[in-house]
Amino acid sequence: MAETVNSQVTDSITESSLEVIGNAPAIAIGNLYQATAQALANAAHNATVAQQQANILGQAVTAQGVALIYAIKI
């Protein structure tokens, strides 16, 4: 005995599936933008940290150089 399904149920499921398929490109682009923004933010943060570390190293080298100059006895 074959069971029949109400056409309203079928239409509801079909529309739900079409909505998911229709939203997929927008969600994919949103995910791409989010990943790109995160990668750029990480790159900017890494560049900032590298610059700070280079400045600290420069200060240490300068301090050592000044100490070496002061240590020279004439």
N, C-alpha and C. Protein backbone atom coordinates (compact mmCIF):
# COMPACT_ATOMS: atom_id res chain seq x y z
N MET A 1 0.84 -1.18 0.00
CA MET A 1 0.00 0.00 0.00
C MET A 1 0.89 1.25 0.00
N ALA A 2 0.72 2.05 -1.01
CA ALA A 2 1.52 3.26 -1.14
C ALA A 2 0.96 4.37 -0.27
N GLU A 3 1.86 5.05 0.42
CA GLU A 3 1.43 6.17 1.25
C GLU A 3 1.61 7.46 0.47
N THR A 4 0.68 8.33 0.60
CA THR A 4 0.79 9.61 -0.08
C THR A 4 1.28 10.67 0.92
N VAL A 5 2.04 11.61 0.39
CA VAL A 5 2.57 12.69 1.20
C VAL A 5 1.83 13.97 0.82
N ASN A 6 1.47 14.71 1.82
CA ASN A 6 0.78 15.97 1.58
C ASN A 6 1.66 16.88 0.73
N SER A 7 1.07 17.51 -0.26
CA SER A 7 1.85 18.37 -1.17
C SER A 7 2.45 19.57 -0.44
N GLN A 8 1.81 20.01 0.63
CA GLN A 8 2.37 21.14 1.39
C GLN A 8 3.68 20.74 2.07
N VAL A 9 3.78 19.50 2.54
CA VAL A 9 5.02 19.01 3.14
C VAL A 9 6.11 18.95 2.09
N THR A 10 5.78 18.43 0.92
CA THR A 10 6.76 18.34 -0.17
C THR A 10 7.24 19.73 -0.57
N ASP A 11 6.32 20.67 -0.71
CA ASP A 11 6.68 22.04 -1.08
C ASP A 11 7.57 22.68 -0.02
N SER A 12 7.26 22.45 1.24
CA SER A 12 8.05 23.03 2.33
C SER A 12 9.48 22.51 2.30
N ILE A 13 9.65 21.23 2.11
CA ILE A 13 10.99 20.63 2.06
C ILE A 13 11.73 21.13 0.84
N THR A 14 11.05 21.20 -0.30
CA THR A 14 11.69 21.68 -1.52
C THR A 14 12.17 23.12 -1.36
N GLU A 15 11.31 23.98 -0.81
CA GLU A 15 11.71 25.38 -0.62
C GLU A 15 12.85 25.52 0.37
N SER A 16 12.84 24.70 1.40
CA SER A 16 13.94 24.73 2.37
C SER A 16 15.25 24.34 1.71
N SER A 17 15.21 23.30 0.89
CA SER A 17 16.42 22.86 0.19
C SER A 17 16.92 23.92 -0.78
N LEU A 18 15.97 24.55 -1.48
CA LEU A 18 16.36 25.60 -2.43
C LEU A 18 16.96 26.79 -1.70
N GLU A 19 16.46 27.11 -0.52
CA GLU A 19 17.02 28.22 0.24
C GLU A 19 18.45 27.93 0.65
N VAL A 20 18.70 26.70 1.09
CA VAL A 20 20.07 26.32 1.46
C VAL A 20 20.99 26.41 0.26
N ILE A 21 20.54 25.91 -0.88
CA ILE A 21 21.36 25.96 -2.10
C ILE A 21 21.57 27.41 -2.53
N GLY A 22 20.54 28.23 -2.39
CA GLY A 22 20.65 29.64 -2.79
C GLY A 22 21.58 30.43 -1.89
N ASN A 23 21.65 30.07 -0.61
CA ASN A 23 22.49 30.80 0.34
C ASN A 23 23.95 30.34 0.31
N ALA A 24 24.20 29.20 -0.26
CA ALA A 24 25.56 28.63 -0.23
C ALA A 24 26.62 29.56 -0.81
N PRO A 25 26.43 30.17 -1.97
CA PRO A 25 27.47 31.07 -2.49
C PRO A 25 27.76 32.25 -1.57
N ALA A 26 26.70 32.83 -1.00
CA ALA A 26 26.90 33.97 -0.10
C ALA A 26 27.66 33.56 1.15
N ILE A 27 27.34 32.41 1.68
CA ILE A 27 28.05 31.91 2.87
C ILE A 27 29.50 31.61 2.53
N ALA A 28 29.74 31.03 1.36
CA ALA A 28 31.11 30.72 0.95
C ALA A 28 31.94 31.99 0.81
N ILE A 29 31.38 33.02 0.19
CA ILE A 29 32.11 34.28 0.05
C ILE A 29 32.35 34.92 1.41
N GLY A 30 31.35 34.84 2.29
CA GLY A 30 31.53 35.38 3.65
C GLY A 30 32.65 34.67 4.38
N ASN A 31 32.71 33.35 4.24
CA ASN A 31 33.80 32.59 4.87
C ASN A 31 35.15 32.97 4.28
N LEU A 32 35.19 33.17 2.96
CA LEU A 32 36.44 33.58 2.31
C LEU A 32 36.90 34.94 2.80
N TYR A 33 35.97 35.89 2.90
CA TYR A 33 36.32 37.23 3.39
C TYR A 33 36.82 37.17 4.83
N GLN A 34 36.16 36.35 5.64
CA GLN A 34 36.56 36.24 7.05
C GLN A 34 37.96 35.64 7.16
N ALA A 35 38.22 34.59 6.38
CA ALA A 35 39.54 33.96 6.42
C ALA A 35 40.61 34.91 5.92
N THR A 36 40.30 35.67 4.87
CA THR A 36 41.26 36.63 4.33
C THR A 36 41.56 37.74 5.34
N ALA A 37 40.51 38.24 5.98
CA ALA A 37 40.70 39.28 7.00
C ALA A 37 41.54 38.77 8.16
N GLN A 38 41.30 37.53 8.57
CA GLN A 38 42.07 36.95 9.67
C GLN A 38 43.53 36.80 9.28
N ALA A 39 43.78 36.34 8.05
CA ALA A 39 45.16 36.17 7.59
C ALA A 39 45.89 37.52 7.52
N LEU A 40 45.21 38.54 7.02
CA LEU A 40 45.82 39.87 6.95
C LEU A 40 46.08 40.44 8.34
N ALA A 41 45.16 40.21 9.26
CA ALA A 41 45.37 40.68 10.63
C ALA A 41 46.55 39.97 11.27
N ASN A 42 46.68 38.67 11.03
CA ASN A 42 47.83 37.93 11.57
C ASN A 42 49.14 38.44 10.97
N ALA A 43 49.12 38.74 9.67
CA ALA A 43 50.33 39.26 9.03
C ALA A 43 50.71 40.62 9.61
N ALA A 44 49.73 41.49 9.82
CA ALA A 44 50.02 42.80 10.39
C ALA A 44 50.54 42.67 11.82
N HIS A 45 49.96 41.76 12.58
CA HIS A 45 50.42 41.55 13.95
C HIS A 45 51.85 41.01 13.96
N ASN A 46 52.13 40.05 13.09
CA ASN A 46 53.49 39.50 13.01
C ASN A 46 54.50 40.57 12.61
N ALA A 47 54.12 41.44 11.69
CA ALA A 47 55.03 42.52 11.27
C ALA A 47 55.28 43.48 12.43
N THR A 48 54.26 43.78 13.19
CA THR A 48 54.42 44.67 14.34
C THR A 48 55.34 44.06 15.39
N VAL A 49 55.13 42.78 15.69
CA VAL A 49 55.98 42.10 16.67
C VAL A 49 57.43 42.05 16.19
N ALA A 50 57.63 41.77 14.91
CA ALA A 50 58.99 41.72 14.36
C ALA A 50 59.66 43.08 14.47
N GLN A 51 58.91 44.14 14.19
CA GLN A 51 59.46 45.49 14.30
C GLN A 51 59.82 45.82 15.75
N GLN A 52 58.97 45.44 16.68
CA GLN A 52 59.27 45.68 18.09
C GLN A 52 60.52 44.92 18.51
N GLN A 53 60.64 43.69 18.08
CA GLN A 53 61.81 42.90 18.45
C GLN A 53 63.09 43.49 17.83
N ALA A 54 62.98 43.99 16.60
CA ALA A 54 64.14 44.62 15.97
C ALA A 54 64.55 45.89 16.72
N ASN A 55 63.56 46.64 17.19
CA ASN A 55 63.88 47.85 17.97
C ASN A 55 64.55 47.49 19.29
N ILE A 56 64.08 46.44 19.94
CA ILE A 56 64.70 46.01 21.19
C ILE A 56 66.14 45.57 20.94
N LEU A 57 66.34 44.82 19.86
CA LEU A 57 67.70 44.39 19.52
C LEU A 57 68.59 45.59 19.23
N GLY A 58 68.06 46.56 18.51
CA GLY A 58 68.84 47.77 18.22
C GLY A 58 69.21 48.53 19.48
N GLN A 59 68.31 48.61 20.43
CA GLN A 59 68.61 49.28 21.69
C GLN A 59 69.69 48.53 22.46
N ALA A 60 69.60 47.19 22.45
CA ALA A 60 70.61 46.39 23.16
C ALA A 60 71.98 46.56 22.53
N VAL A 61 72.03 46.56 21.21
CA VAL A 61 73.32 46.73 20.51
C VAL A 61 73.88 48.12 20.79
N THR A 62 73.03 49.13 20.78
CA THR A 62 73.48 50.49 21.07
C THR A 62 74.02 50.59 22.49
N ALA A 63 73.32 50.00 23.45
CA ALA A 63 73.78 50.03 24.84
C ALA A 63 75.13 49.33 24.99
N GLN A 64 75.28 48.20 24.33
CA GLN A 64 76.56 47.49 24.38
C GLN A 64 77.67 48.32 23.74
N GLY A 65 77.36 48.95 22.63
CA GLY A 65 78.37 49.78 21.95
C GLY A 65 78.78 50.96 22.82
N VAL A 66 77.82 51.62 23.44
CA VAL A 66 78.14 52.75 24.32
C VAL A 66 78.96 52.27 25.51
N ALA A 67 78.59 51.14 26.07
CA ALA A 67 79.37 50.59 27.19
C ALA A 67 80.79 50.27 26.77
N LEU A 68 80.96 49.76 25.57
CA LEU A 68 82.30 49.46 25.05
C LEU A 68 83.10 50.75 24.87
N ILE A 69 82.46 51.79 24.36
CA ILE A 69 83.16 53.08 24.19
C ILE A 69 83.56 53.64 25.54
N TYR A 70 82.67 53.58 26.52
CA TYR A 70 82.99 54.09 27.86
C TYR A 70 84.11 53.28 28.51
N ALA A 71 84.24 52.02 28.10
CA ALA A 71 85.26 51.17 28.74
C ALA A 71 86.67 51.45 28.20
N ILE A 72 86.77 52.20 27.11
CA ILE A 72 88.10 52.50 26.55
C ILE A 72 88.80 53.47 27.49
N LYS A 73 90.04 53.11 27.84
CA LYS A 73 90.84 53.96 28.74
C LYS A 73 91.93 54.65 27.93
N ILE A 74 91.97 55.91 28.09
CA ILE A 74 92.97 56.68 27.35
C ILE A 74 94.13 57.01 28.25
